[in-house]
Amino acid sequence: MSKEKNSTGVGLLGGLLLVFLFLKLGQFGVVANWSWWWVLAPVWAPWVIAVTVLGITALVNEINNKLNR
């Protein structure tokens, strides 16, 4: 028998986005004064971090290849 686990939850970043949206649209707390860029950060920030890490990894790899020739 195989036991499959299907996750249908919102997840951490989705939940954080929902909280930020609720606070921004409801004009609650300091989030009401945030720019929309920061409210939507749970959507775009992981992509920016991933691309940055991949870019730095590729750069370090290229430097190592040139030094080892």
C-alpha atoms as a PDB file:
ATOM      1  CA  MET A   1       0.000   0.000   0.000  1.00  0.00           C
ATOM      2  CA  SER A   2       1.246   3.458  -0.790  1.00  0.00           C
ATOM      3  CA  LYS A   3       0.356   6.355   1.390  1.00  0.00           C
ATOM      4  CA  GLU A   4       0.110   9.574  -0.549  1.00  0.00           C
ATOM      5  CA  LYS A   5       0.065  12.889   1.216  1.00  0.00           C
ATOM      6  CA  ASN A   6      -1.505  15.712  -0.699  1.00  0.00           C
ATOM      7  CA  SER A   7      -0.923  19.176   0.669  1.00  0.00           C
ATOM      8  CA  THR A   8      -3.715  21.556  -0.178  1.00  0.00           C
ATOM      9  CA  GLY A   9      -2.870  24.248   2.356  1.00  0.00           C
ATOM     10  CA  VAL A  10      -2.000  27.844   1.656  1.00  0.00           C
ATOM     11  CA  GLY A  11       1.541  27.553   2.966  1.00  0.00           C
ATOM     12  CA  LEU A  12       3.697  29.944   4.933  1.00  0.00           C
ATOM     13  CA  LEU A  13       4.250  32.572   2.241  1.00  0.00           C
ATOM     14  CA  GLY A  14       0.636  32.420   1.076  1.00  0.00           C
ATOM     15  CA  GLY A  15      -0.561  32.892   4.630  1.00  0.00           C
ATOM     16  CA  LEU A  16       1.813  35.791   5.139  1.00  0.00           C
ATOM     17  CA  LEU A  17       0.532  37.391   1.930  1.00  0.00           C
ATOM     18  CA  LEU A  18      -3.059  37.029   3.104  1.00  0.00           C
ATOM     19  CA  VAL A  19      -2.237  38.611   6.469  1.00  0.00           C
ATOM     20  CA  PHE A  20      -0.431  41.527   4.789  1.00  0.00           C
ATOM     21  CA  LEU A  21      -3.328  42.058   2.364  1.00  0.00           C
ATOM     22  CA  PHE A  22      -5.865  41.997   5.178  1.00  0.00           C
ATOM     23  CA  LEU A  23      -3.863  44.520   7.217  1.00  0.00           C
ATOM     24  CA  LYS A  24      -3.219  46.806   4.223  1.00  0.00           C
ATOM     25  CA  LEU A  25      -6.775  46.824   2.910  1.00  0.00           C
ATOM     26  CA  GLY A  26      -8.243  47.138   6.405  1.00  0.00           C
ATOM     27  CA  GLN A  27      -5.866  50.005   7.231  1.00  0.00           C
ATOM     28  CA  PHE A  28      -4.660  48.233  10.397  1.00  0.00           C
ATOM     29  CA  GLY A  29      -1.323  48.840  12.082  1.00  0.00           C
ATOM     30  CA  VAL A  30       1.911  49.845  10.403  1.00  0.00           C
ATOM     31  CA  VAL A  31       1.193  47.672   7.366  1.00  0.00           C
ATOM     32  CA  ALA A  32      -1.421  50.223   6.277  1.00  0.00           C
ATOM     33  CA  ASN A  33       1.431  52.635   5.502  1.00  0.00           C
ATOM     34  CA  TRP A  34       3.567  50.120   3.615  1.00  0.00           C
ATOM     35  CA  SER A  35       4.104  50.341  -0.112  1.00  0.00           C
ATOM     36  CA  TRP A  36       2.339  47.694  -2.175  1.00  0.00           C
ATOM     37  CA  TRP A  37       5.789  46.373  -3.126  1.00  0.00           C
ATOM     38  CA  TRP A  38       6.325  45.285   0.479  1.00  0.00           C
ATOM     39  CA  VAL A  39       2.794  43.960   0.916  1.00  0.00           C
ATOM     40  CA  LEU A  40       3.317  41.727  -2.128  1.00  0.00           C
ATOM     41  CA  ALA A  41       6.875  40.762  -1.117  1.00  0.00           C
ATOM     42  CA  PRO A  42       5.891  37.164  -0.219  1.00  0.00           C
ATOM     43  CA  VAL A  43       5.157  36.698  -3.946  1.00  0.00           C
ATOM     44  CA  TRP A  44       8.303  38.187  -5.511  1.00  0.00           C
ATOM     45  CA  ALA A  45      10.953  37.993  -2.784  1.00  0.00           C
ATOM     46  CA  PRO A  46      11.565  34.204  -2.983  1.00  0.00           C
ATOM     47  CA  TRP A  47      12.193  34.527  -6.730  1.00  0.00           C
ATOM     48  CA  VAL A  48      14.624  37.401  -6.226  1.00  0.00           C
ATOM     49  CA  ILE A  49      16.478  35.462  -3.527  1.00  0.00           C
ATOM     50  CA  ALA A  50      16.654  32.332  -5.690  1.00  0.00           C
ATOM     51  CA  VAL A  51      17.944  34.216  -8.744  1.00  0.00           C
ATOM     52  CA  THR A  52      20.502  36.055  -6.598  1.00  0.00           C
ATOM     53  CA  VAL A  53      21.799  32.826  -5.042  1.00  0.00           C
ATOM     54  CA  LEU A  54      22.000  31.152  -8.449  1.00  0.00           C
ATOM     55  CA  GLY A  55      23.821  34.161  -9.894  1.00  0.00           C
ATOM     56  CA  ILE A  56      26.356  34.274  -7.070  1.00  0.00           C
ATOM     57  CA  THR A  57      26.881  30.508  -7.351  1.00  0.00           C
ATOM     58  CA  ALA A  58      27.486  30.780 -11.098  1.00  0.00           C
ATOM     59  CA  LEU A  59      29.882  33.705 -10.572  1.00  0.00           C
ATOM     60  CA  VAL A  60      31.897  31.872  -7.899  1.00  0.00           C
ATOM     61  CA  ASN A  61      31.996  28.761 -10.094  1.00  0.00           C
ATOM     62  CA  GLU A  62      33.257  30.800 -13.060  1.00  0.00           C
ATOM     63  CA  ILE A  63      35.949  32.470 -10.943  1.00  0.00           C
ATOM     64  CA  ASN A  64      37.077  29.089  -9.595  1.00  0.00           C
ATOM     65  CA  ASN A  65      37.249  27.671 -13.128  1.00  0.00           C
ATOM     66  CA  LYS A  66      39.421  30.593 -14.314  1.00  0.00           C
ATOM     67  CA  LEU A  67      41.755  30.339 -11.300  1.00  0.00           C
ATOM     68  CA  ASN A  68      42.221  26.577 -11.736  1.00  0.00           C
ATOM     69  CA  ARG A  69      43.294  26.735 -15.397  1.00  0.00           C
END
